[in-house]
Structure formats: C-alpha cells, structure tokens
Amino acid sequence: MNVLFLTLLDFKTIKERGIYTDLMREFAKNDHKVFIISPSERRNNIPTNLIDNGEVKILKVQIGNIQKTNLVEKGISTLTLESKFKKGIVKYFGNVKFDLVLYSTPPITLQNAVKYVKERDGAKTYLLLKDIFPQNAVDLGMLKKNGFKSLLYRYFREKEKKLYKFSDYIGCMSERNVEYLLNNNPYINPNTVEICSNSIEPEDVNIDEVKKVELRKRYGIPINKTIFIYGGNIGKPQGVEFILECLELNEQNAESFILIAGSGTEYGKLKNYFDINKPNNSKLLSHLPREDFEVLVNSCDVGLIFLDKRFTIPNFPSRLLSYMQASIPVLAATDSNTDIGDIIQNGEFGYWCESGDVEKFNNLIGQLNDKILRKELGVNARRYLEEKFSVKHSYETIIRHLHKGERH
C-alpha cells in the first residue's frame, strides 16, 4: 500500500523519535511504501529536494518561514502551504497511486492538496486532529469572532469546515476531543470520528544513579532535591504568567526544584524573570535537542504540563508521553476542558489542578516530594503508556479502515 503523509514537522529521516516519525516507521515495518512531504523553511536556504531511502521517500518542500517569526509572515507562509505541497505532489509523485493520505493539524490549510490526491487516486483520507484552530486562537485572544479580526477567523473557520468534510476519517487525541468536535460541527458523521491518541514506540532509556548525578551536575541541577521538569514549547498556550507564579511560590520550598527547558514566543518573559530575580529553586534552559532532552527527563523526578486556563478546546500535549516513557509521574496544571487530567488521575500516574490555582499546584508539588509515592506513580505511568499510547495502537486504528473497503 502507498501511504502519503503531509506534515509541518521538519525532518529528513523517520529514524528520529516522535509521534509522527514513530507512526511512519510502524507503517514501513508493516511493508507499506511511505511517502512524506515535510517542509524546510526559507531561512534554511535549502531548495526543494527528494530524499529517497528506498521504501520511504521524503520530499523536502521549501516554504516560507512559519516558526519563530512575526504573525504576518507566518500567516502568508501558512496560506501558501497547500499550493506548494500540491506542486510537489504533481512534480515528484505524479506517477504514484496513493491508497491512503494522512495529515495532521496544524495546519488546516492543506485541504486542496489532500483533495487533489483523493480525487486523483481514490485514496482514503485520514486526519490526525492535534489542534483545533481557529478556536484555540480565539481562546487566547489572538483572533476575534467580531470586528476586524473576525475576517481572519471566518476565513480559517471555513477552511476548517472543508477539511473536516472531505476527511474520510478523523482521529482525535481523546474522548473530550471527539465530543468537542461533534458538538461544534454537527454536519460531521459521528461514525467517521474516533480516538487515535498521540502515541510513540516506547523505548527504554535506563540511567543509573551515578549517571543521573553526573547529568544533574552538568546542567547545574541539585542532586539532593526533587526535580520537576517542564520541556517543550514556551508560548501563549502554556499560560506563562501562571508558571511565573508557581516559580515564585516554589522559592519557599526546601525539597523541590523546577527545571524549564524549551523555547517559544514567551521564552523572553521567563528569561527576564530569571535574569532579574535569580531564583534559587528553579532553572531555565534554552531549547535542547530531542535526544538530549529525553536523557535529561530520565534524570528528573516529575514531569510538568502547563496549559492556559482560558482554553475552551481540549488540548492534549504530546510531551506527556516523554514523561511516561521515563517512568516518572506527571503533574498537570491545565484548563478544565481538557481530559488530560482525568487520564492522568484515572491511570494513577500523577496529579492535576486547574491552571491559576497556584496554592493547589504548590501543595501537589509537596506531595510529590515523597520518593516512594513517585516510584509507584512512575511504574503506573510506564505501564499505561505501553497499554494505551503505543504507536501500534494508532497504526491498527488507522489501517483497519483500509481493510473495510468502505468510504463514507
């Protein structure tokens, strides 16, 4: 079977670890021919080129700058994505008949490229819904449903509707995602929507106590405190003002230390806090390569997840899986609409509080200073990962539709 995957993730090989590369490896392991279109931003100065690895071919399409740029450039680059992807399909994959097209959000602006392949080849189309846009931008005040900014909202909302309408199947990250999607888009056939969770190919990263001490010393992290780590995007979705409150209150704690490693549009706010206040119980690191981050996580004690309390859409950060793979408990502070807290607590591998409740967050940090408790929760985390969030489950969820011989 020929599988086409369209993504905004910039990679040159599927040997890298991640929710999408792991899924592509799973397809390749099951004897499918995998074709990927992955962007390379203009700032890299690399023209469009094809990387041929035999059963896996990756087309690197040069696009405008999207990450770490101003809103105008990001908007223009996003709007021109589908035409660039479609041209790449025509030029490089014109003689390939695809059976399945996989694509994820963000962005929502690839529907014309997907529609082209669907109509040309009769391919089935499967949307991996990782982001509900433009509502997430409305939640954070970046777009408005009224006034001048409503023009952009209505444009993107129409794009979103079209994307849902011609997707044969939509895989959501959780039950709340499914409910939200159907409640707010009643035209969608419920039989086409299902849970297809974020997933990875679990690997063992065993680090003994001696190595942990060495790593902590290398990064200037205390060896005698409970290390709570947050890693990933530092942007508006994380609710940085609340994070700052948590850091400030944690200065009163003798046993806990908060480590933040990441980058994003709000990184400057955190750096400014660290530069001015020079806290004793927390540390800020700039973005680390994924491999380095995974090793560092395995040297820490608790994984942190932050989401802005204003969200009305049920986000489900994939960073959760890194913590579970490392067999460490998770402490999440999020809005009340996501069910990530329910999953963490029902799976008995961590705790949840609502973002904004700094006192409860601090109390939970205190509870997680208990080493015996952390060990028990960490074992549960790894078990839950293997049972619920293995990439094999995602692959089987998707591939079963190809065996039905049906299309809605």
Protein backbone atom coordinates (compact mmCIF):
# COMPACT_ATOMS: atom_id res chain seq x y z
CA MET A 1 0.00 0.00 0.00
CA ASN A 2 1.23 3.52 -0.81
CA VAL A 3 0.86 5.97 2.06
CA LEU A 4 1.26 9.73 1.74
CA PHE A 5 1.86 11.76 4.89
CA LEU A 6 1.70 15.56 4.87
CA THR A 7 3.26 17.31 7.84
CA LEU A 8 4.68 20.61 9.06
CA LEU A 9 7.33 18.71 11.01
CA ASP A 10 10.77 19.36 9.57
CA PHE A 11 12.70 16.08 9.40
CA LYS A 12 14.94 14.24 6.94
CA THR A 13 14.58 10.69 8.26
CA ILE A 14 11.97 8.66 10.09
CA LYS A 15 14.67 7.30 12.39
CA GLU A 16 14.10 10.34 14.60
CA ARG A 17 11.86 9.84 17.63
CA GLY A 18 8.43 11.49 17.70
CA ILE A 19 4.72 10.84 17.38
CA TYR A 20 4.75 11.18 13.59
CA THR A 21 8.11 9.58 12.75
CA ASP A 22 7.27 6.64 15.05
CA LEU A 23 3.96 6.20 13.21
CA MET A 24 5.67 6.32 9.82
CA ARG A 25 8.16 3.67 10.95
CA GLU A 26 5.27 1.49 12.01
CA PHE A 27 3.75 1.74 8.52
CA ALA A 28 7.13 0.96 6.96
CA LYS A 29 7.62 -2.04 9.28
CA ASN A 30 4.33 -3.41 8.02
CA ASP A 31 5.58 -3.37 4.40
CA HIS A 32 3.83 -0.20 3.25
CA LYS A 33 5.61 2.24 0.97
CA VAL A 34 5.75 5.58 2.75
CA PHE A 35 5.90 8.96 1.01
CA ILE A 36 6.26 12.07 3.14
CA ILE A 37 6.11 15.77 2.37
CA SER A 38 7.98 17.72 5.01
CA PRO A 39 8.76 21.44 4.83
CA SER A 40 12.03 23.30 5.02
CA GLU A 41 11.63 26.96 5.91
CA ARG A 42 13.10 29.61 3.62
CA ARG A 43 15.60 30.70 6.27
CA ASN A 44 17.39 27.35 5.82
CA ASN A 45 18.26 28.24 2.20
CA ILE A 46 17.64 24.68 1.01
CA PRO A 47 15.72 24.26 -2.27
CA THR A 48 13.00 21.64 -2.66
CA ASN A 49 14.59 18.18 -2.88
CA LEU A 50 13.69 14.49 -2.63
CA ILE A 51 15.33 12.19 -0.09
CA ASP A 52 14.96 8.60 -1.31
CA ASN A 53 15.51 5.94 1.34
CA GLY A 54 14.03 3.07 -0.63
CA GLU A 55 10.66 2.22 0.93
CA VAL A 56 10.50 5.69 2.47
CA LYS A 57 10.73 8.83 0.34
CA ILE A 58 10.74 12.29 1.93
CA LEU A 59 10.07 15.35 -0.20
CA LYS A 60 11.52 18.44 1.45
CA VAL A 61 9.45 21.35 0.15
CA GLN A 62 10.81 24.83 0.62
CA ILE A 63 8.17 27.06 2.25
CA GLY A 64 8.09 30.49 3.84
CA ASN A 65 9.05 30.95 7.47
CA ILE A 66 6.41 29.76 9.97
CA GLN A 67 8.23 29.12 13.25
CA LYS A 68 9.69 31.95 15.34
CA THR A 69 8.63 34.73 13.01
CA ASN A 70 6.13 37.57 13.01
CA LEU A 71 2.40 36.98 12.62
CA VAL A 72 2.19 38.46 9.12
CA GLU A 73 4.96 36.30 7.67
CA LYS A 74 3.60 33.23 9.45
CA GLY A 75 0.13 33.91 8.03
CA ILE A 76 1.34 34.34 4.46
CA SER A 77 3.54 31.24 4.67
CA THR A 78 0.65 29.19 6.07
CA LEU A 79 -1.71 30.31 3.30
CA THR A 80 0.74 29.28 0.55
CA LEU A 81 1.43 25.84 2.03
CA GLU A 82 -1.20 23.90 0.12
CA SER A 83 -0.15 25.20 -3.30
CA LYS A 84 3.50 24.33 -2.61
CA PHE A 85 2.59 20.87 -1.31
CA LYS A 86 0.32 20.21 -4.29
CA LYS A 87 3.02 21.25 -6.76
CA GLY A 88 5.41 18.89 -5.01
CA ILE A 89 2.94 16.01 -5.33
CA VAL A 90 2.43 16.67 -9.03
CA LYS A 91 6.14 17.02 -9.83
CA TYR A 92 7.67 14.31 -7.66
CA PHE A 93 4.84 11.84 -7.01
CA GLY A 94 2.89 12.21 -10.23
CA ASN A 95 3.23 8.52 -11.12
CA VAL A 96 2.40 7.19 -7.65
CA LYS A 97 -1.14 5.99 -6.91
CA PHE A 98 -1.79 6.55 -3.23
CA ASP A 99 -4.10 4.37 -1.17
CA LEU A 100 -4.07 6.48 1.98
CA VAL A 101 -3.38 10.13 2.76
CA LEU A 102 -2.52 11.03 6.36
CA TYR A 103 -2.28 14.64 7.50
CA SER A 104 -2.35 16.45 10.81
CA THR A 105 -3.43 19.75 12.25
CA PRO A 106 -1.83 22.17 12.42
CA PRO A 107 -2.22 23.44 9.80
CA ILE A 108 -5.79 23.42 8.46
CA THR A 109 -4.70 24.83 5.12
CA LEU A 110 -3.69 21.64 3.31
CA GLN A 111 -7.14 20.55 2.19
CA ASN A 112 -6.64 21.35 -1.50
CA ALA A 113 -3.51 19.20 -1.65
CA VAL A 114 -5.31 16.37 0.14
CA LYS A 115 -8.40 16.80 -2.03
CA TYR A 116 -6.26 16.61 -5.16
CA VAL A 117 -4.81 13.20 -4.21
CA LYS A 118 -8.19 11.91 -3.02
CA GLU A 119 -9.86 12.74 -6.33
CA ARG A 120 -6.89 11.71 -8.49
CA ASP A 121 -6.23 8.32 -6.86
CA GLY A 122 -9.42 7.48 -4.99
CA ALA A 123 -7.33 7.46 -1.83
CA LYS A 124 -8.82 7.33 1.63
CA THR A 125 -8.08 10.37 3.76
CA TYR A 126 -7.34 10.32 7.47
CA LEU A 127 -6.99 13.48 9.56
CA LEU A 128 -4.91 13.28 12.73
CA LEU A 129 -6.56 16.08 14.70
CA LYS A 130 -3.89 17.50 17.01
CA ASP A 131 -5.06 21.10 17.13
CA ILE A 132 -8.46 22.76 16.87
CA PHE A 133 -7.86 26.00 15.01
CA PRO A 134 -9.02 28.79 14.79
CA GLN A 135 -10.89 28.38 18.11
CA ASN A 136 -7.64 27.96 20.04
CA ALA A 137 -6.50 31.37 18.72
CA VAL A 138 -9.83 32.87 19.82
CA ASP A 139 -9.40 31.41 23.31
CA LEU A 140 -6.05 33.18 23.67
CA GLY A 141 -7.26 36.47 22.22
CA MET A 142 -5.24 36.19 19.02
CA LEU A 143 -8.35 36.15 16.82
CA LYS A 144 -11.82 37.60 17.37
CA LYS A 145 -15.25 36.45 16.23
CA ASN A 146 -16.34 40.08 15.95
CA GLY A 147 -14.76 43.18 14.45
CA PHE A 148 -11.87 43.39 12.00
CA LYS A 149 -10.11 40.26 13.27
CA SER A 150 -13.28 38.29 12.60
CA LEU A 151 -12.44 38.33 8.88
CA LEU A 152 -9.45 36.09 9.53
CA TYR A 153 -11.46 33.94 11.91
CA ARG A 154 -14.24 33.35 9.38
CA TYR A 155 -11.70 32.56 6.64
CA PHE A 156 -9.94 29.95 8.73
CA ARG A 157 -13.19 28.59 10.09
CA GLU A 158 -14.39 27.86 6.53
CA LYS A 159 -11.06 26.17 5.81
CA GLU A 160 -11.52 24.08 8.95
CA LYS A 161 -15.03 23.00 7.95
CA LYS A 162 -13.88 21.96 4.48
CA LEU A 163 -11.03 19.95 5.98
CA TYR A 164 -13.44 18.02 8.19
CA LYS A 165 -15.98 17.49 5.43
CA PHE A 166 -13.71 15.73 2.97
CA SER A 167 -11.77 13.72 5.55
CA ASP A 168 -12.94 10.13 5.39
CA TYR A 169 -11.89 9.62 8.99
CA ILE A 170 -10.85 11.91 11.81
CA GLY A 171 -8.65 10.59 14.60
CA CYS A 172 -8.91 12.61 17.82
CA MET A 173 -6.50 12.60 20.76
CA SER A 174 -9.06 11.84 23.47
CA GLU A 175 -12.73 11.38 24.27
CA ARG A 176 -13.18 15.08 25.06
CA ASN A 177 -11.72 15.89 21.64
CA VAL A 178 -14.32 13.68 19.99
CA GLU A 179 -17.14 15.27 21.98
CA TYR A 180 -15.97 18.81 21.25
CA LEU A 181 -15.57 18.16 17.54
CA LEU A 182 -19.05 16.65 17.13
CA ASN A 183 -20.80 19.19 19.36
CA ASN A 184 -19.36 22.12 17.43
CA ASN A 185 -19.56 20.59 13.95
CA PRO A 186 -22.95 18.82 13.74
CA TYR A 187 -22.55 18.19 10.00
CA ILE A 188 -19.79 15.62 10.69
CA ASN A 189 -20.85 11.98 10.53
CA PRO A 190 -20.14 10.60 14.05
CA ASN A 191 -19.19 7.23 12.52
CA THR A 192 -16.14 8.85 10.92
CA VAL A 193 -14.72 10.21 14.18
CA GLU A 194 -12.71 8.10 16.61
CA ILE A 195 -9.95 8.22 19.18
CA CYS A 196 -6.48 7.87 17.69
CA SER A 197 -4.29 9.03 20.56
CA ASN A 198 -0.87 10.60 20.49
CA SER A 199 1.45 7.61 20.58
CA ILE A 200 5.09 6.59 20.41
CA GLU A 201 7.21 3.48 20.08
CA PRO A 202 8.23 3.06 23.74
CA GLU A 203 11.95 2.66 24.29
CA ASP A 204 13.99 2.00 27.38
CA VAL A 205 16.34 4.76 28.46
CA ASN A 206 17.94 3.31 31.57
CA ILE A 207 20.12 5.72 33.50
CA ASP A 208 21.72 4.57 36.73
CA GLU A 209 22.05 6.80 39.78
CA VAL A 210 25.69 7.64 39.04
CA LYS A 211 24.78 8.86 35.55
CA LYS A 212 21.85 10.87 36.93
CA VAL A 213 24.15 12.66 39.34
CA GLU A 214 26.61 13.41 36.50
CA LEU A 215 23.84 14.82 34.30
CA ARG A 216 22.44 16.98 37.08
CA LYS A 217 25.85 18.41 37.81
CA ARG A 218 26.41 19.09 34.10
CA TYR A 219 23.24 21.17 33.88
CA GLY A 220 23.62 22.81 37.27
CA ILE A 221 20.70 20.94 38.83
CA PRO A 222 20.66 20.00 42.54
CA ILE A 223 21.35 16.34 43.32
CA ASN A 224 19.52 16.38 46.66
CA LYS A 225 16.13 17.80 45.60
CA THR A 226 13.08 16.54 43.76
CA ILE A 227 13.43 17.82 40.18
CA PHE A 228 10.21 18.83 38.42
CA ILE A 229 10.84 19.29 34.69
CA TYR A 230 8.84 21.11 32.04
CA GLY A 231 10.07 20.71 28.49
CA GLY A 232 8.74 21.94 25.18
CA ASN A 233 7.02 24.98 23.78
CA ILE A 234 7.00 28.14 25.86
CA GLY A 235 4.25 30.15 24.23
CA LYS A 236 0.85 31.64 24.90
CA PRO A 237 -0.82 28.19 25.16
CA GLN A 238 1.25 27.43 28.28
CA GLY A 239 -0.02 30.39 30.32
CA VAL A 240 3.39 31.78 31.28
CA GLU A 241 2.00 34.19 33.89
CA PHE A 242 0.82 31.22 35.94
CA ILE A 243 4.16 29.46 35.51
CA LEU A 244 5.87 32.54 36.95
CA GLU A 245 3.56 32.42 39.98
CA CYS A 246 4.46 28.77 40.51
CA LEU A 247 8.17 29.53 40.31
CA GLU A 248 7.81 32.36 42.81
CA LEU A 249 5.93 30.29 45.37
CA ASN A 250 8.31 27.35 44.94
CA GLU A 251 11.11 29.56 46.28
CA GLN A 252 9.69 28.79 49.73
CA ASN A 253 10.10 25.02 49.27
CA ALA A 254 13.17 23.30 50.62
CA GLU A 255 12.88 20.00 48.75
CA SER A 256 11.63 20.83 45.23
CA PHE A 257 13.37 22.35 42.21
CA ILE A 258 11.65 23.32 38.93
CA LEU A 259 13.59 22.95 35.68
CA ILE A 260 12.22 24.50 32.47
CA ALA A 261 13.77 23.58 29.12
CA GLY A 262 12.26 24.95 25.94
CA SER A 263 11.75 27.81 23.55
CA GLY A 264 8.92 29.81 22.06
CA THR A 265 7.32 33.21 21.80
CA GLU A 266 7.04 33.66 25.58
CA TYR A 267 10.54 32.46 26.41
CA GLY A 268 11.66 36.07 26.87
CA LYS A 269 9.23 36.59 29.75
CA LEU A 270 10.70 33.66 31.62
CA LYS A 271 14.27 34.70 30.89
CA ASN A 272 13.51 38.19 32.13
CA TYR A 273 12.21 36.74 35.41
CA PHE A 274 15.34 34.62 35.85
CA ASP A 275 17.68 37.48 34.96
CA ILE A 276 16.07 39.86 37.47
CA ASN A 277 15.14 37.52 40.34
CA LYS A 278 17.88 34.89 40.08
CA PRO A 279 15.72 32.22 41.82
CA ASN A 280 17.39 29.52 43.89
CA ASN A 281 14.78 26.80 43.35
CA SER A 282 14.40 26.86 39.57
CA LYS A 283 16.46 26.98 36.39
CA LEU A 284 15.75 27.92 32.76
CA LEU A 285 17.45 26.16 29.86
CA SER A 286 17.04 27.10 26.21
CA HIS A 287 15.73 24.51 23.77
CA LEU A 288 17.59 21.19 23.84
CA PRO A 289 17.89 18.65 21.00
CA ARG A 290 15.28 15.93 21.43
CA GLU A 291 17.87 13.26 22.25
CA ASP A 292 19.41 15.41 24.99
CA PHE A 293 16.00 16.27 26.39
CA GLU A 294 14.94 12.62 26.60
CA VAL A 295 18.09 11.77 28.55
CA LEU A 296 17.58 14.75 30.84
CA VAL A 297 13.97 13.75 31.53
CA ASN A 298 15.20 10.35 32.67
CA SER A 299 17.41 12.14 35.18
CA CYS A 300 14.50 14.08 36.69
CA ASP A 301 11.71 13.03 39.06
CA VAL A 302 8.38 14.54 37.90
CA GLY A 303 7.14 15.82 34.52
CA LEU A 304 5.16 19.06 34.32
CA ILE A 305 2.43 20.07 31.87
CA PHE A 306 1.03 23.59 31.65
CA LEU A 307 -1.93 24.88 29.63
CA ASP A 308 -3.60 28.29 29.76
CA LYS A 309 -6.80 28.28 31.82
CA ARG A 310 -8.68 30.19 29.08
CA PHE A 311 -8.79 27.28 26.66
CA THR A 312 -12.26 26.04 25.74
CA ILE A 313 -10.84 23.38 23.42
CA PRO A 314 -9.49 20.10 24.87
CA ASN A 315 -5.74 20.16 24.19
CA PHE A 316 -3.63 17.06 24.81
CA PRO A 317 0.13 17.82 24.80
CA SER A 318 2.30 15.03 23.39
CA ARG A 319 5.01 15.89 25.93
CA LEU A 320 3.06 13.68 28.33
CA LEU A 321 4.46 10.63 26.52
CA SER A 322 8.09 11.58 27.18
CA TYR A 323 7.41 11.66 30.91
CA MET A 324 5.55 8.35 30.85
CA GLN A 325 8.36 6.73 28.85
CA ALA A 326 10.81 7.86 31.52
CA SER A 327 8.64 6.20 34.20
CA ILE A 328 8.13 9.41 36.14
CA PRO A 329 4.84 10.79 37.48
CA VAL A 330 3.11 13.76 35.87
CA LEU A 331 1.78 16.96 37.43
CA ALA A 332 -0.53 18.86 35.08
CA ALA A 333 -1.97 22.35 35.52
CA THR A 334 -4.44 22.98 32.72
CA ASP A 335 -7.83 24.38 31.79
CA SER A 336 -10.87 22.41 32.89
CA ASN A 337 -11.96 21.45 29.36
CA THR A 338 -9.19 19.02 28.51
CA ASP A 339 -9.42 15.48 29.87
CA ILE A 340 -5.67 15.03 30.23
CA GLY A 341 -6.11 15.48 33.99
CA ASP A 342 -8.77 12.76 34.11
CA ILE A 343 -6.50 10.36 32.24
CA ILE A 344 -3.53 11.11 34.50
CA GLN A 345 -5.57 10.64 37.66
CA ASN A 346 -7.60 7.63 36.48
CA GLY A 347 -4.39 5.98 35.30
CA GLU A 348 -2.92 6.69 38.74
CA PHE A 349 0.33 8.11 37.39
CA GLY A 350 0.10 11.69 38.63
CA TYR A 351 -1.99 14.66 39.69
CA TRP A 352 -3.93 17.54 38.16
CA CYS A 353 -5.05 21.00 39.19
CA GLU A 354 -6.66 23.84 37.31
CA SER A 355 -4.28 26.40 35.88
CA GLY A 356 -4.42 29.50 38.03
CA ASP A 357 -4.69 27.63 41.33
CA VAL A 358 -1.11 28.21 42.44
CA GLU A 359 -1.75 27.09 46.03
CA LYS A 360 -3.03 23.66 44.96
CA PHE A 361 -0.20 23.30 42.48
CA ASN A 362 2.28 24.01 45.25
CA ASN A 363 0.56 21.52 47.57
CA LEU A 364 0.80 18.81 44.92
CA ILE A 365 4.49 19.56 44.50
CA GLY A 366 4.82 18.93 48.23
CA GLN A 367 3.09 15.56 47.93
CA LEU A 368 5.36 14.51 45.08
CA ASN A 369 8.46 15.03 47.18
CA ASP A 370 7.66 11.56 48.56
CA LYS A 371 10.13 9.22 46.82
CA ILE A 372 8.12 6.06 47.47
CA LEU A 373 4.98 7.64 46.02
CA ARG A 374 6.89 8.84 42.95
CA LYS A 375 8.22 5.34 42.32
CA GLU A 376 4.71 3.85 42.41
CA LEU A 377 3.24 6.52 40.14
CA GLY A 378 6.17 6.22 37.73
CA VAL A 379 5.66 2.47 37.32
CA ASN A 380 1.98 3.15 36.58
CA ALA A 381 2.96 5.78 34.01
CA ARG A 382 5.14 3.39 32.03
CA ARG A 383 2.53 0.63 32.17
CA TYR A 384 -0.22 2.99 30.96
CA LEU A 385 1.97 4.21 28.11
CA GLU A 386 2.55 0.68 26.83
CA GLU A 387 -1.11 -0.28 27.22
CA LYS A 388 -2.76 2.85 25.79
CA PHE A 389 -0.28 5.04 23.92
CA SER A 390 1.85 2.62 21.92
CA VAL A 391 2.21 3.51 18.23
CA LYS A 392 0.97 0.01 17.35
CA HIS A 393 -2.48 1.02 18.60
CA SER A 394 -2.54 4.10 16.37
CA TYR A 395 -1.40 2.11 13.35
CA GLU A 396 -4.06 -0.55 13.89
CA THR A 397 -6.75 2.09 14.40
CA ILE A 398 -5.92 3.68 11.05
CA ILE A 399 -5.17 0.62 8.94
CA ARG A 400 -8.39 -1.23 9.78
CA HIS A 401 -10.29 1.26 7.64
CA LEU A 402 -8.28 0.24 4.60
CA HIS A 403 -9.43 -3.34 5.03
CA LYS A 404 -13.12 -2.47 5.20
CA GLY A 405 -13.37 -1.37 1.62
CA GLU A 406 -15.75 1.36 2.63
CA ARG A 407 -15.94 5.11 2.22
CA HIS A 408 -18.49 7.47 3.67
